[in-house]
């Protein structure tokens, strides 16, 4: 089970790949709700009944709905693809978006795993938030920005929380977060 900062509740996952995407959904400012294994789809095909339970249902802040299936690309066979195509068509028929996600890049996954340790609101110190917003209004390295705000042991949890919430901008794909990581103003 994953404790979600978005919902304030636990959400299930069945694989590490699902867990990585669940972290991504939880850190996204666009997502307002997440449910795991939200419903079962049933349809007739070739004289038999087929069933499928999608992995996640996302509610976005703009009210949109997104159904998500998570499966590594290398593990998708012809039957899986037919199921995903059918799920996409059913979602489209009710005005929902459908996403089939594979494995996340290792660097992004590692960065999300690190930042997830700072997802709880207790890591957010309002005075420090304002200082980081000012310091990172101009992009600079993590080490330089932290040095301007205060004692790293005191202020880093707030910085990592802001990166988790995407209130400050950082490239999560290129390299692991570290002292030389460039951080800029966010949304």
N, C-alpha and C. Protein backbone atom coordinates (compact mmCIF):
# COMPACT_ATOMS: atom_id res chain seq x y z
N UNK A 1 0.84 -1.18 0.00
CA UNK A 1 0.00 0.00 0.00
C UNK A 1 0.89 1.25 0.00
N UNK A 2 0.42 2.26 -0.69
CA UNK A 2 1.11 3.53 -0.80
C UNK A 2 0.30 4.59 -0.08
N UNK A 3 0.93 5.33 0.85
CA UNK A 3 0.22 6.45 1.47
C UNK A 3 0.32 7.63 0.52
N UNK A 4 -0.82 8.12 0.08
CA UNK A 4 -0.88 9.20 -0.90
C UNK A 4 -1.04 10.55 -0.23
N UNK A 5 -0.13 11.47 -0.53
CA UNK A 5 -0.26 12.84 -0.04
C UNK A 5 -1.42 13.55 -0.72
N UNK A 6 -1.78 13.11 -1.92
CA UNK A 6 -2.89 13.71 -2.66
C UNK A 6 -4.22 13.41 -1.99
N UNK A 7 -4.43 12.15 -1.62
CA UNK A 7 -5.73 11.74 -1.08
C UNK A 7 -5.73 11.64 0.44
N UNK A 8 -4.55 11.55 1.05
CA UNK A 8 -4.47 11.35 2.49
C UNK A 8 -4.88 9.95 2.91
N UNK A 9 -4.83 9.01 1.96
CA UNK A 9 -5.22 7.63 2.25
C UNK A 9 -4.27 6.67 1.54
N UNK A 10 -4.44 5.39 1.83
CA UNK A 10 -3.60 4.37 1.21
C UNK A 10 -4.21 3.92 -0.12
N UNK A 11 -3.32 3.65 -1.08
CA UNK A 11 -3.73 3.21 -2.41
C UNK A 11 -2.90 1.97 -2.75
N UNK A 12 -3.56 0.96 -3.30
CA UNK A 12 -2.89 -0.29 -3.61
C UNK A 12 -2.10 -0.25 -4.91
N UNK A 13 -1.12 -1.14 -4.98
CA UNK A 13 -0.37 -1.38 -6.22
C UNK A 13 0.04 -2.84 -6.21
N UNK A 14 0.23 -3.39 -7.42
CA UNK A 14 0.53 -4.81 -7.54
C UNK A 14 1.94 -5.11 -8.05
N UNK A 15 2.71 -4.08 -8.37
CA UNK A 15 4.08 -4.28 -8.84
C UNK A 15 4.88 -3.02 -8.56
N UNK A 16 6.20 -3.16 -8.65
CA UNK A 16 7.06 -1.98 -8.47
C UNK A 16 6.82 -0.98 -9.59
N UNK A 17 6.51 -1.47 -10.77
CA UNK A 17 6.24 -0.57 -11.90
C UNK A 17 4.99 0.26 -11.61
N UNK A 18 3.94 -0.39 -11.11
CA UNK A 18 2.73 0.35 -10.72
C UNK A 18 3.05 1.34 -9.61
N UNK A 19 3.85 0.92 -8.64
CA UNK A 19 4.20 1.81 -7.53
C UNK A 19 4.92 3.07 -8.03
N UNK A 20 5.83 2.89 -8.99
CA UNK A 20 6.54 4.05 -9.53
C UNK A 20 5.57 5.04 -10.17
N UNK A 21 4.62 4.54 -10.95
CA UNK A 21 3.64 5.44 -11.58
C UNK A 21 2.71 6.04 -10.54
N UNK A 22 2.37 5.28 -9.53
CA UNK A 22 1.54 5.82 -8.45
C UNK A 22 2.24 6.99 -7.77
N UNK A 23 3.56 6.88 -7.58
CA UNK A 23 4.32 8.02 -7.04
C UNK A 23 4.21 9.23 -7.97
N UNK A 24 4.31 8.97 -9.27
CA UNK A 24 4.22 10.07 -10.24
C UNK A 24 2.85 10.75 -10.15
N UNK A 25 1.78 9.96 -10.10
CA UNK A 25 0.44 10.54 -9.98
C UNK A 25 0.32 11.35 -8.70
N UNK A 26 0.87 10.81 -7.61
CA UNK A 26 0.76 11.46 -6.30
C UNK A 26 1.51 12.79 -6.28
N UNK A 27 2.57 12.89 -7.05
CA UNK A 27 3.36 14.13 -7.05
C UNK A 27 2.84 15.16 -8.05
N UNK A 28 1.92 14.77 -8.90
CA UNK A 28 1.44 15.67 -9.95
C UNK A 28 0.42 16.67 -9.43
N UNK A 29 0.64 17.95 -9.67
CA UNK A 29 -0.34 18.95 -9.24
C UNK A 29 -1.65 18.86 -10.04
N UNK A 30 -1.64 18.15 -11.17
CA UNK A 30 -2.84 18.01 -11.99
C UNK A 30 -3.80 16.96 -11.44
N UNK A 31 -3.31 16.05 -10.60
CA UNK A 31 -4.12 14.93 -10.11
C UNK A 31 -4.74 15.29 -8.76
N UNK A 32 -6.07 15.13 -8.66
CA UNK A 32 -6.75 15.42 -7.40
C UNK A 32 -7.25 14.15 -6.71
N UNK A 33 -7.28 13.04 -7.42
CA UNK A 33 -7.73 11.78 -6.82
C UNK A 33 -7.19 10.59 -7.58
N UNK A 34 -6.97 9.49 -6.86
CA UNK A 34 -6.44 8.26 -7.45
C UNK A 34 -7.16 7.08 -6.80
N UNK A 35 -7.63 6.14 -7.62
CA UNK A 35 -8.20 4.90 -7.11
C UNK A 35 -7.55 3.73 -7.82
N UNK A 36 -7.22 2.66 -7.07
CA UNK A 36 -6.62 1.49 -7.70
C UNK A 36 -7.69 0.44 -7.97
N UNK A 37 -7.51 -0.27 -9.07
CA UNK A 37 -8.45 -1.30 -9.54
C UNK A 37 -9.89 -0.81 -9.38
N UNK A 38 -10.22 0.26 -10.11
CA UNK A 38 -11.47 0.98 -9.88
C UNK A 38 -12.74 0.27 -10.33
N UNK A 39 -12.66 -0.59 -11.33
CA UNK A 39 -13.86 -1.26 -11.83
C UNK A 39 -13.45 -2.42 -12.74
N UNK A 40 -14.43 -3.26 -13.05
CA UNK A 40 -14.19 -4.39 -13.95
C UNK A 40 -14.98 -4.16 -15.24
N UNK A 41 -14.30 -4.28 -16.36
CA UNK A 41 -14.95 -4.19 -17.67
C UNK A 41 -15.23 -5.61 -18.15
N UNK A 42 -16.38 -5.81 -18.75
CA UNK A 42 -16.74 -7.12 -19.33
C UNK A 42 -17.29 -6.90 -20.73
N UNK A 43 -16.92 -7.78 -21.66
CA UNK A 43 -17.45 -7.70 -23.01
C UNK A 43 -17.38 -9.09 -23.65
N UNK A 44 -18.20 -9.28 -24.67
CA UNK A 44 -18.22 -10.55 -25.41
C UNK A 44 -17.27 -10.43 -26.60
N UNK A 45 -16.50 -11.50 -26.78
CA UNK A 45 -15.60 -11.56 -27.93
C UNK A 45 -15.39 -13.01 -28.31
N UNK A 46 -15.69 -13.33 -29.55
CA UNK A 46 -15.46 -14.69 -30.03
C UNK A 46 -16.22 -15.75 -29.25
N UNK A 47 -17.42 -15.45 -28.82
CA UNK A 47 -18.24 -16.43 -28.11
C UNK A 47 -17.92 -16.58 -26.63
N UNK A 48 -17.01 -15.78 -26.11
CA UNK A 48 -16.71 -15.86 -24.68
C UNK A 48 -16.76 -14.47 -24.06
N UNK A 49 -16.82 -14.45 -22.75
CA UNK A 49 -16.83 -13.18 -22.02
C UNK A 49 -15.40 -12.85 -21.60
N UNK A 50 -14.96 -11.68 -21.96
CA UNK A 50 -13.64 -11.18 -21.57
C UNK A 50 -13.83 -10.17 -20.45
N UNK A 51 -12.88 -10.13 -19.53
CA UNK A 51 -12.94 -9.17 -18.43
C UNK A 51 -11.57 -8.53 -18.23
N UNK A 52 -11.63 -7.30 -17.74
CA UNK A 52 -10.38 -6.59 -17.47
C UNK A 52 -10.61 -5.59 -16.35
N UNK A 53 -9.67 -5.53 -15.42
CA UNK A 53 -9.70 -4.53 -14.34
C UNK A 53 -8.52 -3.59 -14.57
N UNK A 54 -8.78 -2.34 -14.94
CA UNK A 54 -7.68 -1.38 -15.10
C UNK A 54 -6.95 -1.17 -13.77
N UNK A 55 -5.73 -0.67 -13.86
CA UNK A 55 -4.92 -0.49 -12.65
C UNK A 55 -5.32 0.75 -11.85
N UNK A 56 -5.59 1.87 -12.54
CA UNK A 56 -5.88 3.12 -11.82
C UNK A 56 -6.94 3.95 -12.52
N UNK A 57 -7.63 4.72 -11.71
CA UNK A 57 -8.54 5.77 -12.19
C UNK A 57 -8.06 7.06 -11.57
N UNK A 58 -7.79 8.06 -12.41
CA UNK A 58 -7.33 9.37 -11.94
C UNK A 58 -8.41 10.40 -12.17
N UNK A 59 -8.61 11.24 -11.19
CA UNK A 59 -9.45 12.43 -11.36
C UNK A 59 -8.48 13.60 -11.39
N UNK A 60 -8.59 14.40 -12.45
CA UNK A 60 -7.72 15.55 -12.59
C UNK A 60 -8.39 16.79 -12.02
N UNK A 61 -7.60 17.78 -11.68
CA UNK A 61 -8.14 19.01 -11.07
C UNK A 61 -9.13 19.72 -11.98
N UNK A 62 -8.99 19.54 -13.29
CA UNK A 62 -9.93 20.19 -14.21
C UNK A 62 -11.21 19.38 -14.39
N UNK A 63 -11.34 18.27 -13.65
CA UNK A 63 -12.54 17.44 -13.72
C UNK A 63 -12.43 16.27 -14.67
N UNK A 64 -11.38 16.21 -15.47
CA UNK A 64 -11.21 15.12 -16.43
C UNK A 64 -10.94 13.80 -15.70
N UNK A 65 -11.26 12.71 -16.39
CA UNK A 65 -11.04 11.36 -15.87
C UNK A 65 -10.04 10.63 -16.75
N UNK A 66 -9.15 9.88 -16.12
CA UNK A 66 -8.13 9.12 -16.84
C UNK A 66 -8.08 7.71 -16.27
N UNK A 67 -8.19 6.72 -17.15
CA UNK A 67 -8.04 5.32 -16.78
C UNK A 67 -6.64 4.88 -17.20
N UNK A 68 -5.95 4.17 -16.31
CA UNK A 68 -4.55 3.82 -16.56
C UNK A 68 -4.34 2.32 -16.39
N UNK A 69 -3.64 1.74 -17.35
CA UNK A 69 -3.11 0.38 -17.23
C UNK A 69 -1.60 0.48 -17.25
N UNK A 70 -0.95 -0.26 -16.36
CA UNK A 70 0.51 -0.26 -16.26
C UNK A 70 1.01 -1.66 -16.59
N UNK A 71 1.85 -1.75 -17.61
CA UNK A 71 2.44 -3.03 -17.98
C UNK A 71 3.72 -2.74 -18.74
N UNK A 72 4.84 -3.33 -18.34
CA UNK A 72 6.08 -3.15 -19.11
C UNK A 72 5.87 -3.57 -20.57
N UNK A 73 6.42 -2.80 -21.48
CA UNK A 73 6.23 -3.07 -22.91
C UNK A 73 6.60 -4.51 -23.28
N UNK A 74 7.68 -5.01 -22.71
CA UNK A 74 8.16 -6.35 -23.04
C UNK A 74 7.20 -7.45 -22.59
N UNK A 75 6.25 -7.13 -21.73
CA UNK A 75 5.32 -8.14 -21.21
C UNK A 75 3.94 -8.07 -21.87
N UNK A 76 3.81 -7.30 -22.93
CA UNK A 76 2.52 -7.18 -23.60
C UNK A 76 2.47 -8.13 -24.79
N UNK A 77 1.52 -9.06 -24.73
CA UNK A 77 1.32 -9.97 -25.85
C UNK A 77 0.10 -9.51 -26.65
N UNK A 78 -0.26 -10.27 -27.67
CA UNK A 78 -1.37 -9.89 -28.55
C UNK A 78 -2.68 -9.77 -27.79
N UNK A 79 -2.97 -10.71 -26.89
CA UNK A 79 -4.21 -10.64 -26.11
C UNK A 79 -4.24 -9.40 -25.22
N UNK A 80 -3.11 -9.08 -24.61
CA UNK A 80 -3.04 -7.87 -23.78
C UNK A 80 -3.34 -6.64 -24.61
N UNK A 81 -2.74 -6.57 -25.80
CA UNK A 81 -2.94 -5.40 -26.65
C UNK A 81 -4.40 -5.25 -27.05
N UNK A 82 -5.05 -6.38 -27.36
CA UNK A 82 -6.48 -6.35 -27.68
C UNK A 82 -7.27 -5.81 -26.49
N UNK A 83 -6.93 -6.27 -25.29
CA UNK A 83 -7.61 -5.80 -24.08
C UNK A 83 -7.39 -4.31 -23.87
N UNK A 84 -6.17 -3.85 -24.03
CA UNK A 84 -5.89 -2.42 -23.85
C UNK A 84 -6.60 -1.58 -24.91
N UNK A 85 -6.63 -2.07 -26.15
CA UNK A 85 -7.34 -1.35 -27.21
C UNK A 85 -8.83 -1.28 -26.90
N UNK A 86 -9.39 -2.37 -26.41
CA UNK A 86 -10.81 -2.39 -26.05
C UNK A 86 -11.08 -1.42 -24.90
N UNK A 87 -10.20 -1.42 -23.91
CA UNK A 87 -10.36 -0.51 -22.77
C UNK A 87 -10.29 0.94 -23.24
N UNK A 88 -9.36 1.23 -24.14
CA UNK A 88 -9.24 2.59 -24.67
C UNK A 88 -10.51 3.01 -25.40
N UNK A 89 -11.08 2.10 -26.18
CA UNK A 89 -12.32 2.41 -26.92
C UNK A 89 -13.48 2.64 -25.96
N UNK A 90 -13.59 1.80 -24.93
CA UNK A 90 -14.66 1.98 -23.95
C UNK A 90 -14.51 3.30 -23.21
N UNK A 91 -13.29 3.64 -22.84
CA UNK A 91 -13.05 4.92 -22.16
C UNK A 91 -13.43 6.08 -23.07
N UNK A 92 -13.03 6.00 -24.32
CA UNK A 92 -13.35 7.06 -25.28
C UNK A 92 -14.86 7.23 -25.42
N UNK A 93 -15.59 6.13 -25.36
CA UNK A 93 -17.05 6.21 -25.54
C UNK A 93 -17.75 6.96 -24.41
N UNK A 94 -17.10 7.09 -23.26
CA UNK A 94 -17.70 7.83 -22.14
C UNK A 94 -16.94 9.14 -21.85
N UNK A 95 -16.02 9.49 -22.74
CA UNK A 95 -15.32 10.77 -22.60
C UNK A 95 -14.16 10.76 -21.63
N UNK A 96 -13.61 9.58 -21.35
CA UNK A 96 -12.46 9.47 -20.47
C UNK A 96 -11.20 9.27 -21.31
N UNK A 97 -10.09 9.77 -20.79
CA UNK A 97 -8.79 9.52 -21.41
C UNK A 97 -8.31 8.14 -20.95
N UNK A 98 -7.53 7.48 -21.80
CA UNK A 98 -6.94 6.20 -21.44
C UNK A 98 -5.43 6.28 -21.68
N UNK A 99 -4.67 5.75 -20.72
CA UNK A 99 -3.21 5.70 -20.86
C UNK A 99 -2.73 4.29 -20.52
N UNK A 100 -1.86 3.77 -21.37
CA UNK A 100 -1.18 2.52 -21.06
C UNK A 100 0.28 2.89 -20.85
N UNK A 101 0.77 2.67 -19.65
CA UNK A 101 2.12 3.08 -19.28
C UNK A 101 3.02 1.87 -19.10
N UNK A 102 4.26 2.00 -19.56
CA UNK A 102 5.27 0.96 -19.38
C UNK A 102 6.17 1.31 -18.22
N UNK A 103 7.40 0.85 -18.29
CA UNK A 103 8.34 1.15 -17.22
C UNK A 103 8.81 2.59 -17.31
N UNK A 104 8.93 3.20 -16.16
CA UNK A 104 9.45 4.55 -16.06
C UNK A 104 10.97 4.49 -16.23
N UNK A 105 11.57 5.59 -16.70
CA UNK A 105 13.03 5.59 -16.82
C UNK A 105 13.64 5.41 -15.43
N UNK A 106 14.75 4.70 -15.33
CA UNK A 106 15.35 4.44 -14.02
C UNK A 106 15.72 5.71 -13.25
N UNK A 107 16.20 6.73 -13.94
CA UNK A 107 16.59 7.96 -13.25
C UNK A 107 15.37 8.65 -12.66
N UNK A 108 14.30 8.78 -13.46
CA UNK A 108 13.07 9.41 -12.94
C UNK A 108 12.53 8.61 -11.75
N UNK A 109 12.50 7.29 -11.87
CA UNK A 109 11.98 6.46 -10.78
C UNK A 109 12.81 6.65 -9.51
N UNK A 110 14.12 6.67 -9.65
CA UNK A 110 14.99 6.86 -8.48
C UNK A 110 14.77 8.23 -7.85
N UNK A 111 14.64 9.26 -8.67
CA UNK A 111 14.39 10.60 -8.13
C UNK A 111 13.04 10.68 -7.42
N UNK A 112 12.02 10.07 -8.00
CA UNK A 112 10.71 10.06 -7.35
C UNK A 112 10.75 9.30 -6.02
N UNK A 113 11.46 8.17 -6.02
CA UNK A 113 11.56 7.40 -4.78
C UNK A 113 12.21 8.24 -3.69
N UNK A 114 13.25 8.98 -4.04
CA UNK A 114 13.92 9.83 -3.05
C UNK A 114 12.97 10.92 -2.56
N UNK A 115 12.37 11.63 -3.48
CA UNK A 115 11.49 12.75 -3.10
C UNK A 115 10.25 12.29 -2.36
N UNK A 116 9.81 11.07 -2.61
CA UNK A 116 8.59 10.58 -1.94
C UNK A 116 8.75 10.55 -0.42
N UNK A 117 9.97 10.48 0.05
CA UNK A 117 10.21 10.52 1.49
C UNK A 117 9.88 11.86 2.11
N UNK A 118 9.64 12.85 1.26
CA UNK A 118 9.35 14.21 1.72
C UNK A 118 7.97 14.68 1.27
N UNK A 119 7.09 13.73 0.94
CA UNK A 119 5.77 14.09 0.41
C UNK A 119 4.80 14.57 1.47
N UNK A 120 5.00 14.18 2.71
CA UNK A 120 4.07 14.54 3.78
C UNK A 120 4.11 16.05 4.02
N UNK A 121 2.95 16.66 4.23
CA UNK A 121 2.89 18.11 4.46
C UNK A 121 3.74 18.60 5.64
N UNK A 122 4.09 17.73 6.56
CA UNK A 122 4.91 18.16 7.70
C UNK A 122 6.29 18.66 7.26
N UNK A 123 6.71 18.29 6.05
CA UNK A 123 8.01 18.73 5.54
C UNK A 123 7.97 20.17 5.01
N UNK A 124 6.80 20.72 4.91
CA UNK A 124 6.62 22.06 4.34
C UNK A 124 6.67 23.11 5.45
N UNK A 125 7.75 23.89 5.49
CA UNK A 125 7.88 24.97 6.47
C UNK A 125 7.62 26.29 5.74
N UNK A 126 6.49 26.95 6.03
CA UNK A 126 6.07 28.13 5.25
C UNK A 126 7.14 29.20 5.07
N UNK A 127 7.87 29.56 6.10
CA UNK A 127 8.91 30.58 5.95
C UNK A 127 10.00 30.16 4.99
N UNK A 128 10.36 28.88 5.06
CA UNK A 128 11.40 28.34 4.18
C UNK A 128 10.89 28.25 2.74
N UNK A 129 9.59 27.94 2.57
CA UNK A 129 8.99 27.89 1.23
C UNK A 129 9.18 29.23 0.53
N UNK A 130 8.86 30.31 1.23
CA UNK A 130 8.98 31.65 0.65
C UNK A 130 10.43 31.96 0.27
N UNK A 131 11.37 31.56 1.13
CA UNK A 131 12.78 31.81 0.83
C UNK A 131 13.24 31.04 -0.41
N UNK A 132 12.83 29.77 -0.50
CA UNK A 132 13.21 28.98 -1.68
C UNK A 132 12.58 29.56 -2.95
N UNK A 133 11.34 30.01 -2.87
CA UNK A 133 10.69 30.61 -4.04
C UNK A 133 11.49 31.81 -4.53
N UNK A 134 11.98 32.60 -3.61
CA UNK A 134 12.77 33.78 -3.98
C UNK A 134 14.14 33.38 -4.53
N UNK A 135 14.82 32.48 -3.84
CA UNK A 135 16.16 32.07 -4.25
C UNK A 135 16.15 31.39 -5.62
N UNK A 136 15.17 30.51 -5.86
CA UNK A 136 15.14 29.76 -7.11
C UNK A 136 14.32 30.45 -8.20
N UNK A 137 13.94 31.71 -7.99
CA UNK A 137 13.30 32.48 -9.06
C UNK A 137 14.26 32.57 -10.25
N UNK A 138 15.55 32.56 -9.94
CA UNK A 138 16.60 32.44 -10.95
C UNK A 138 17.21 31.06 -10.78
N UNK A 139 17.24 30.29 -11.87
CA UNK A 139 17.74 28.92 -11.79
C UNK A 139 19.17 28.89 -11.27
N UNK A 140 19.43 27.94 -10.39
CA UNK A 140 20.77 27.76 -9.82
C UNK A 140 20.88 26.33 -9.30
N UNK A 141 22.07 25.96 -8.87
CA UNK A 141 22.27 24.59 -8.37
C UNK A 141 21.58 24.41 -7.02
N UNK A 142 21.24 23.19 -6.74
CA UNK A 142 20.63 22.84 -5.46
C UNK A 142 21.53 23.31 -4.32
N UNK A 143 22.82 23.03 -4.41
CA UNK A 143 23.75 23.40 -3.33
C UNK A 143 23.81 24.90 -3.12
N UNK A 144 23.86 25.67 -4.20
CA UNK A 144 23.91 27.14 -4.07
C UNK A 144 22.63 27.67 -3.44
N UNK A 145 21.49 27.18 -3.89
CA UNK A 145 20.21 27.65 -3.35
C UNK A 145 20.04 27.31 -1.88
N UNK A 146 20.39 26.08 -1.53
CA UNK A 146 20.29 25.67 -0.12
C UNK A 146 21.23 26.51 0.73
N UNK A 147 22.44 26.76 0.24
CA UNK A 147 23.41 27.57 0.97
C UNK A 147 22.90 28.97 1.26
N UNK A 148 22.10 29.52 0.37
CA UNK A 148 21.55 30.86 0.58
C UNK A 148 20.39 30.87 1.57
N UNK A 149 19.70 29.75 1.71
CA UNK A 149 18.50 29.72 2.57
C UNK A 149 18.83 29.36 4.01
N UNK A 150 19.74 28.41 4.22
CA UNK A 150 20.04 28.07 5.61
C UNK A 150 20.75 26.75 5.76
N UNK A 151 20.76 26.26 6.98
CA UNK A 151 21.40 25.00 7.33
C UNK A 151 20.72 23.87 6.55
N UNK A 152 21.49 23.13 5.74
CA UNK A 152 20.89 22.07 4.93
C UNK A 152 20.04 21.08 5.72
N UNK A 153 20.47 20.72 6.91
CA UNK A 153 19.71 19.74 7.70
C UNK A 153 18.32 20.27 8.05
N UNK A 154 18.20 21.58 8.10
CA UNK A 154 16.93 22.22 8.45
C UNK A 154 16.07 22.48 7.22
N UNK A 155 16.69 22.91 6.12
CA UNK A 155 15.91 23.39 4.97
C UNK A 155 15.73 22.37 3.84
N UNK A 156 16.59 21.36 3.75
CA UNK A 156 16.46 20.39 2.66
C UNK A 156 15.11 19.66 2.64
N UNK A 157 14.55 19.26 3.79
CA UNK A 157 13.24 18.60 3.72
C UNK A 157 12.18 19.46 3.02
N UNK A 158 12.21 20.76 3.25
CA UNK A 158 11.25 21.64 2.58
C UNK A 158 11.54 21.73 1.09
N UNK A 159 12.82 21.83 0.72
CA UNK A 159 13.16 21.87 -0.70
C UNK A 159 12.69 20.60 -1.40
N UNK A 160 12.97 19.44 -0.81
CA UNK A 160 12.56 18.18 -1.43
C UNK A 160 11.03 18.09 -1.51
N UNK A 161 10.33 18.61 -0.52
CA UNK A 161 8.87 18.63 -0.57
C UNK A 161 8.39 19.50 -1.75
N UNK A 162 9.02 20.65 -1.94
CA UNK A 162 8.64 21.53 -3.05
C UNK A 162 8.92 20.88 -4.41
N UNK A 163 10.01 20.12 -4.50
CA UNK A 163 10.30 19.40 -5.74
C UNK A 163 9.27 18.29 -5.94
N UNK A 164 8.91 17.59 -4.86
CA UNK A 164 7.88 16.55 -4.93
C UNK A 164 6.57 17.14 -5.46
N UNK A 165 6.17 18.27 -4.92
CA UNK A 165 4.90 18.92 -5.30
C UNK A 165 4.99 19.65 -6.64
N UNK A 166 6.17 19.69 -7.22
CA UNK A 166 6.44 20.37 -8.48
C UNK A 166 6.19 21.88 -8.38
N UNK A 167 6.41 22.42 -7.19
CA UNK A 167 6.32 23.87 -7.01
C UNK A 167 7.60 24.57 -7.43
N UNK A 168 8.68 23.80 -7.51
CA UNK A 168 9.93 24.26 -8.12
C UNK A 168 10.23 23.31 -9.26
N UNK A 169 10.92 23.81 -10.28
CA UNK A 169 11.17 23.02 -11.48
C UNK A 169 12.54 22.36 -11.44
N UNK A 170 12.57 21.09 -11.82
CA UNK A 170 13.82 20.33 -11.87
C UNK A 170 13.69 19.27 -12.96
N UNK A 171 14.79 18.96 -13.63
CA UNK A 171 14.82 17.89 -14.62
C UNK A 171 14.99 16.57 -13.88
N UNK A 172 13.95 15.76 -13.89
CA UNK A 172 13.97 14.49 -13.16
C UNK A 172 14.49 13.34 -14.02
N UNK A 173 14.70 13.59 -15.33
CA UNK A 173 15.04 12.53 -16.27
C UNK A 173 16.54 12.36 -16.52
N UNK A 174 17.29 13.44 -16.43
CA UNK A 174 18.67 13.43 -16.91
C UNK A 174 19.67 12.85 -15.92
N UNK A 175 19.55 13.25 -14.65
CA UNK A 175 20.52 12.79 -13.66
C UNK A 175 19.85 12.68 -12.29
N UNK A 176 20.48 11.90 -11.43
CA UNK A 176 19.98 11.79 -10.06
C UNK A 176 20.13 13.13 -9.36
N UNK A 177 19.17 13.44 -8.51
CA UNK A 177 19.24 14.69 -7.76
C UNK A 177 20.51 14.72 -6.92
N UNK A 178 21.17 15.86 -6.93
CA UNK A 178 22.39 16.03 -6.16
C UNK A 178 22.74 17.49 -6.05
N UNK A 179 23.88 17.81 -5.46
CA UNK A 179 24.28 19.21 -5.23
C UNK A 179 24.32 20.05 -6.50
N UNK A 180 24.66 19.43 -7.65
CA UNK A 180 24.79 20.18 -8.90
C UNK A 180 23.49 20.27 -9.70
N UNK A 181 22.43 19.64 -9.23
CA UNK A 181 21.14 19.69 -9.92
C UNK A 181 20.67 21.14 -10.02
N UNK A 182 20.25 21.53 -11.22
CA UNK A 182 19.73 22.89 -11.44
C UNK A 182 18.24 22.92 -11.12
N UNK A 183 17.87 23.87 -10.27
CA UNK A 183 16.47 24.05 -9.86
C UNK A 183 16.05 25.46 -10.24
N UNK A 184 14.83 25.58 -10.73
CA UNK A 184 14.30 26.89 -11.11
C UNK A 184 12.91 27.09 -10.53
N UNK A 185 12.37 28.26 -10.79
CA UNK A 185 11.02 28.56 -10.33
C UNK A 185 10.02 27.61 -10.94
N UNK A 186 8.98 27.33 -10.22
CA UNK A 186 7.98 26.38 -10.69
C UNK A 186 6.73 27.05 -11.20
N UNK A 187 5.63 26.38 -10.96
CA UNK A 187 4.33 26.86 -11.46
C UNK A 187 3.86 28.08 -10.75
